[in-house]
Each structure stands twice: as structure tokens, then as C-alpha cells.
């Protein structure tokens, strides 16, 4: 079966995922960075171990203090986010069938807020969330009106509204 990739856009202007440190800070990863290992999942973070070297070409009698194992840490699912500033931003999902009683999000709304509305296919509101405030790598959405559990196996769309917030990811899970 062939993949149905409809659009591909490189984000971040192709910037290095792990770039060199400034030379004047005494860090090991100023000149050479050897690729990271597979990430280690630690709680809500991804840890990437990599090798940093202070010289472009290591001399034969190089001092071992010129290289080291380094660590880069990212928030889990934190590679890309949808961001909104003072003006609210809205994300409307494609229709999908609800398979799970709970909605969880990875959101940074430490200086703002995020709300979710569950819509039927005609755009009518079936449920509205309480505002999500704070920086949460994984938090369940709590409902002000209606609930996702009542909509199991029904086709819906989610409308996320963000103000001064970043939405990294969302997922459905069972009630446990």
C-alpha cells in the first residue's frame, strides 16, 4: 500500500537540531558534533546524548578533556508547535470518529489559555472545555459542558482556540 503524503513542508528553515555552542563559553560542542543516539524517554522529556568536540580535527595526542558526551533535552512531542499570540488562533481538525473517552493535550499556556470545543459535522457545539492554563506536557482536558465520553464512535471535529499559547500535540485515550 502506498503512502498518501499530500504535502510536505520543512520547518525551522532547516536549522540544525543540535547546533554548536558559542566558542567563548567553554562548552565541548563548539566545533564538532557527532550524531545523537536514539532519544531516551524520561518522564515528559526526550534526552539526546551526543558527542561534542572542541577541535575540528583532533590531534593524535589530543587531550581527552577536549571532547565529552553532551546532553540535549526536548519536551516530549516538542519538536513543533502551533502558536498564537494576543490575537486568538484557531485550529479546526479534520473530522474523525471518537475512539476514546478522554482528550489529553501537550500545551504551553503559561502566559495564556487554550479552550477546546467538540463540534458535530455541521459545526454545532457538542461540548466545551474549561480553559487550560499553565505549561503541561500531558494534561487531560476537563469539560464545562458535555464530554467526549458521551460521543464515543461519533464523527466530530475539535476546535482549539489559543491565546498566548503553544499547542504541541493532542490525543484521545480511554477513561483510565
Protein backbone atom coordinates (compact mmCIF):
# COMPACT_ATOMS: atom_id res chain seq x y z
CA UNK A 1 0.00 0.00 0.00
CA UNK A 2 1.39 3.38 -0.96
CA UNK A 3 1.61 6.25 1.47
CA UNK A 4 -0.66 9.21 0.79
CA UNK A 5 1.63 12.07 1.65
CA UNK A 6 -0.25 15.11 0.43
CA UNK A 7 2.07 17.91 1.43
CA UNK A 8 5.49 18.12 2.99
CA UNK A 9 6.95 21.29 4.40
CA UNK A 10 10.32 21.54 6.10
CA UNK A 11 10.03 23.64 9.22
CA UNK A 12 12.65 25.64 11.07
CA UNK A 13 14.41 26.88 7.90
CA UNK A 14 16.47 23.66 8.00
CA UNK A 15 18.28 24.80 11.13
CA UNK A 16 20.39 22.23 12.93
CA UNK A 17 18.51 20.28 15.56
CA UNK A 18 21.54 20.39 17.85
CA UNK A 19 23.83 23.26 16.91
CA UNK A 20 27.28 24.19 18.17
CA UNK A 21 27.70 26.21 21.34
CA UNK A 22 29.39 29.62 21.23
CA UNK A 23 33.18 29.27 21.25
CA UNK A 24 33.77 31.60 24.19
CA UNK A 25 31.61 29.68 26.69
CA UNK A 26 33.97 26.76 27.31
CA UNK A 27 31.50 24.14 26.11
CA UNK A 28 32.68 20.93 24.43
CA UNK A 29 30.31 21.11 21.45
CA UNK A 30 31.87 24.17 19.79
CA UNK A 31 33.44 22.62 16.66
CA UNK A 32 32.28 19.05 16.08
CA UNK A 33 29.05 17.35 16.99
CA UNK A 34 28.77 13.62 16.43
CA UNK A 35 25.21 12.40 15.87
CA UNK A 36 22.97 11.76 18.83
CA UNK A 37 21.80 8.39 19.98
CA UNK A 38 18.16 7.40 19.82
CA UNK A 39 16.31 9.52 22.36
CA UNK A 40 15.80 8.29 25.89
CA UNK A 41 12.28 8.95 27.11
CA UNK A 42 12.46 10.28 30.65
CA UNK A 43 9.12 11.37 32.02
CA UNK A 44 7.86 14.17 29.78
CA UNK A 45 11.25 14.79 28.17
CA UNK A 46 13.35 13.33 25.38
CA UNK A 47 17.06 13.11 26.19
CA UNK A 48 19.54 13.02 23.29
CA UNK A 49 23.13 12.09 24.13
CA UNK A 50 25.73 13.20 21.59
CA UNK A 51 29.48 13.80 21.41
CA UNK A 52 30.88 17.31 21.37
CA UNK A 53 34.49 18.11 20.45
CA UNK A 54 36.34 21.42 20.80
CA UNK A 55 38.52 20.99 17.69
CA UNK A 56 37.72 20.50 14.00
CA UNK A 57 40.48 17.90 13.65
CA UNK A 58 41.61 16.11 16.74
CA UNK A 59 45.42 15.89 17.00
CA UNK A 60 46.88 12.42 17.59
CA UNK A 61 47.88 13.34 21.14
CA UNK A 62 44.64 15.17 21.91
CA UNK A 63 43.75 15.83 25.49
CA UNK A 64 40.63 13.79 26.40
CA UNK A 65 39.27 16.92 28.10
CA UNK A 66 38.69 18.38 24.63
CA UNK A 67 35.67 16.17 23.98
CA UNK A 68 32.74 14.95 26.03
CA UNK A 69 29.38 13.26 25.94
CA UNK A 70 26.76 16.02 25.92
CA UNK A 71 23.02 16.04 26.51
CA UNK A 72 20.25 17.87 24.66
CA UNK A 73 16.77 17.83 26.22
CA UNK A 74 13.46 18.42 24.48
CA UNK A 75 9.92 18.39 25.73
CA UNK A 76 8.17 15.18 24.60
CA UNK A 77 6.33 15.89 21.33
CA UNK A 78 8.04 19.29 21.49
CA UNK A 79 9.61 19.48 18.03
CA UNK A 80 6.89 21.67 16.51
CA UNK A 81 4.01 23.69 17.93
CA UNK A 82 1.11 25.77 16.68
CA UNK A 83 1.49 29.17 18.32
CA UNK A 84 -0.94 32.01 18.99
CA UNK A 85 -0.12 35.41 20.40
CA UNK A 86 -2.50 38.09 21.72
CA UNK A 87 -4.94 37.57 18.86
CA UNK A 88 -6.61 34.17 19.33
CA UNK A 89 -5.52 31.41 16.98
CA UNK A 90 -7.91 28.63 16.00
CA UNK A 91 -7.14 25.07 14.88
CA UNK A 92 -10.02 23.06 13.43
CA UNK A 93 -9.26 19.36 12.99
CA UNK A 94 -10.42 17.20 10.16
CA UNK A 95 -13.45 15.04 11.01
CA UNK A 96 -12.66 11.84 12.89
CA UNK A 97 -14.55 9.16 14.81
CA UNK A 98 -14.18 9.38 18.59
CA UNK A 99 -12.35 6.34 19.91
CA UNK A 100 -11.53 7.20 23.48
CA UNK A 101 -13.29 8.77 26.43
CA UNK A 102 -10.65 11.37 27.26
CA UNK A 103 -8.77 14.11 25.40
CA UNK A 104 -5.24 14.94 26.54
CA UNK A 105 -3.05 17.79 25.32
CA UNK A 106 0.58 18.89 25.34
CA UNK A 107 0.28 22.67 25.63
CA UNK A 108 2.22 25.64 26.95
CA UNK A 109 -0.37 28.18 28.07
CA UNK A 110 1.71 29.55 30.96
CA UNK A 111 1.04 33.11 29.77
CA UNK A 112 -2.32 32.49 28.11
CA UNK A 113 -5.08 29.93 27.72
CA UNK A 114 -6.39 27.17 25.48
CA UNK A 115 -10.02 26.10 25.05
CA UNK A 116 -11.44 23.15 23.12
CA UNK A 117 -14.87 22.73 21.57
CA UNK A 118 -16.15 19.45 20.15
CA UNK A 119 -18.25 20.04 17.03
CA UNK A 120 -20.52 17.78 15.01
CA UNK A 121 -20.03 17.65 11.25
CA UNK A 122 -22.45 20.55 10.77
CA UNK A 123 -20.40 22.75 13.12
CA UNK A 124 -22.75 22.59 16.12
CA UNK A 125 -21.03 22.64 19.51
CA UNK A 126 -21.44 19.35 21.40
CA UNK A 127 -19.01 20.00 24.28
CA UNK A 128 -16.83 22.84 25.56
CA UNK A 129 -13.79 22.58 27.77
CA UNK A 130 -12.74 24.50 30.81
CA UNK A 131 -9.77 26.72 29.95
CA UNK A 132 -6.37 25.01 30.09
CA UNK A 133 -3.87 27.27 31.86
CA UNK A 134 -0.18 26.58 32.52
CA UNK A 135 2.60 24.62 30.87
CA UNK A 136 1.58 20.95 30.61
CA UNK A 137 3.38 18.24 28.59
CA UNK A 138 0.41 15.95 29.30
CA UNK A 139 -2.87 17.02 30.86
CA UNK A 140 -6.44 15.78 30.42
CA UNK A 141 -8.98 18.29 29.17
CA UNK A 142 -11.85 18.86 31.62
CA UNK A 143 -15.28 19.66 30.25
CA UNK A 144 -17.50 22.59 31.17
CA UNK A 145 -20.43 21.36 29.06
CA UNK A 146 -20.84 17.90 27.55
CA UNK A 147 -17.99 15.40 27.42
CA UNK A 148 -16.01 13.38 24.94
CA UNK A 149 -17.08 10.11 26.59
CA UNK A 150 -20.69 10.78 25.51
CA UNK A 151 -19.56 10.96 21.87
CA UNK A 152 -17.82 7.59 21.55
CA UNK A 153 -17.99 6.26 17.96
CA UNK A 154 -19.47 9.52 16.62
CA UNK A 155 -17.80 11.63 13.93
CA UNK A 156 -16.64 15.00 15.30
CA UNK A 157 -14.16 17.82 14.82
CA UNK A 158 -12.17 19.57 17.51
CA UNK A 159 -11.76 23.34 17.57
CA UNK A 160 -8.80 24.51 19.63
CA UNK A 161 -8.65 28.21 20.48
CA UNK A 162 -5.34 29.50 21.80
CA UNK A 163 -4.32 32.87 23.22
CA UNK A 164 -0.63 33.41 24.04
CA UNK A 165 -0.18 29.65 23.96
CA UNK A 166 1.56 26.83 22.07
CA UNK A 167 -0.17 23.56 21.19
CA UNK A 168 2.30 20.72 20.64
CA UNK A 169 0.04 17.68 20.39
CA UNK A 170 -3.26 16.14 21.41
CA UNK A 171 -4.53 12.58 21.64
CA UNK A 172 -7.53 10.52 22.69
CA UNK A 173 -7.25 7.83 25.33
CA UNK A 174 -9.51 5.57 27.33
CA UNK A 175 -11.02 6.67 30.63
CA UNK A 176 -8.34 5.04 32.80
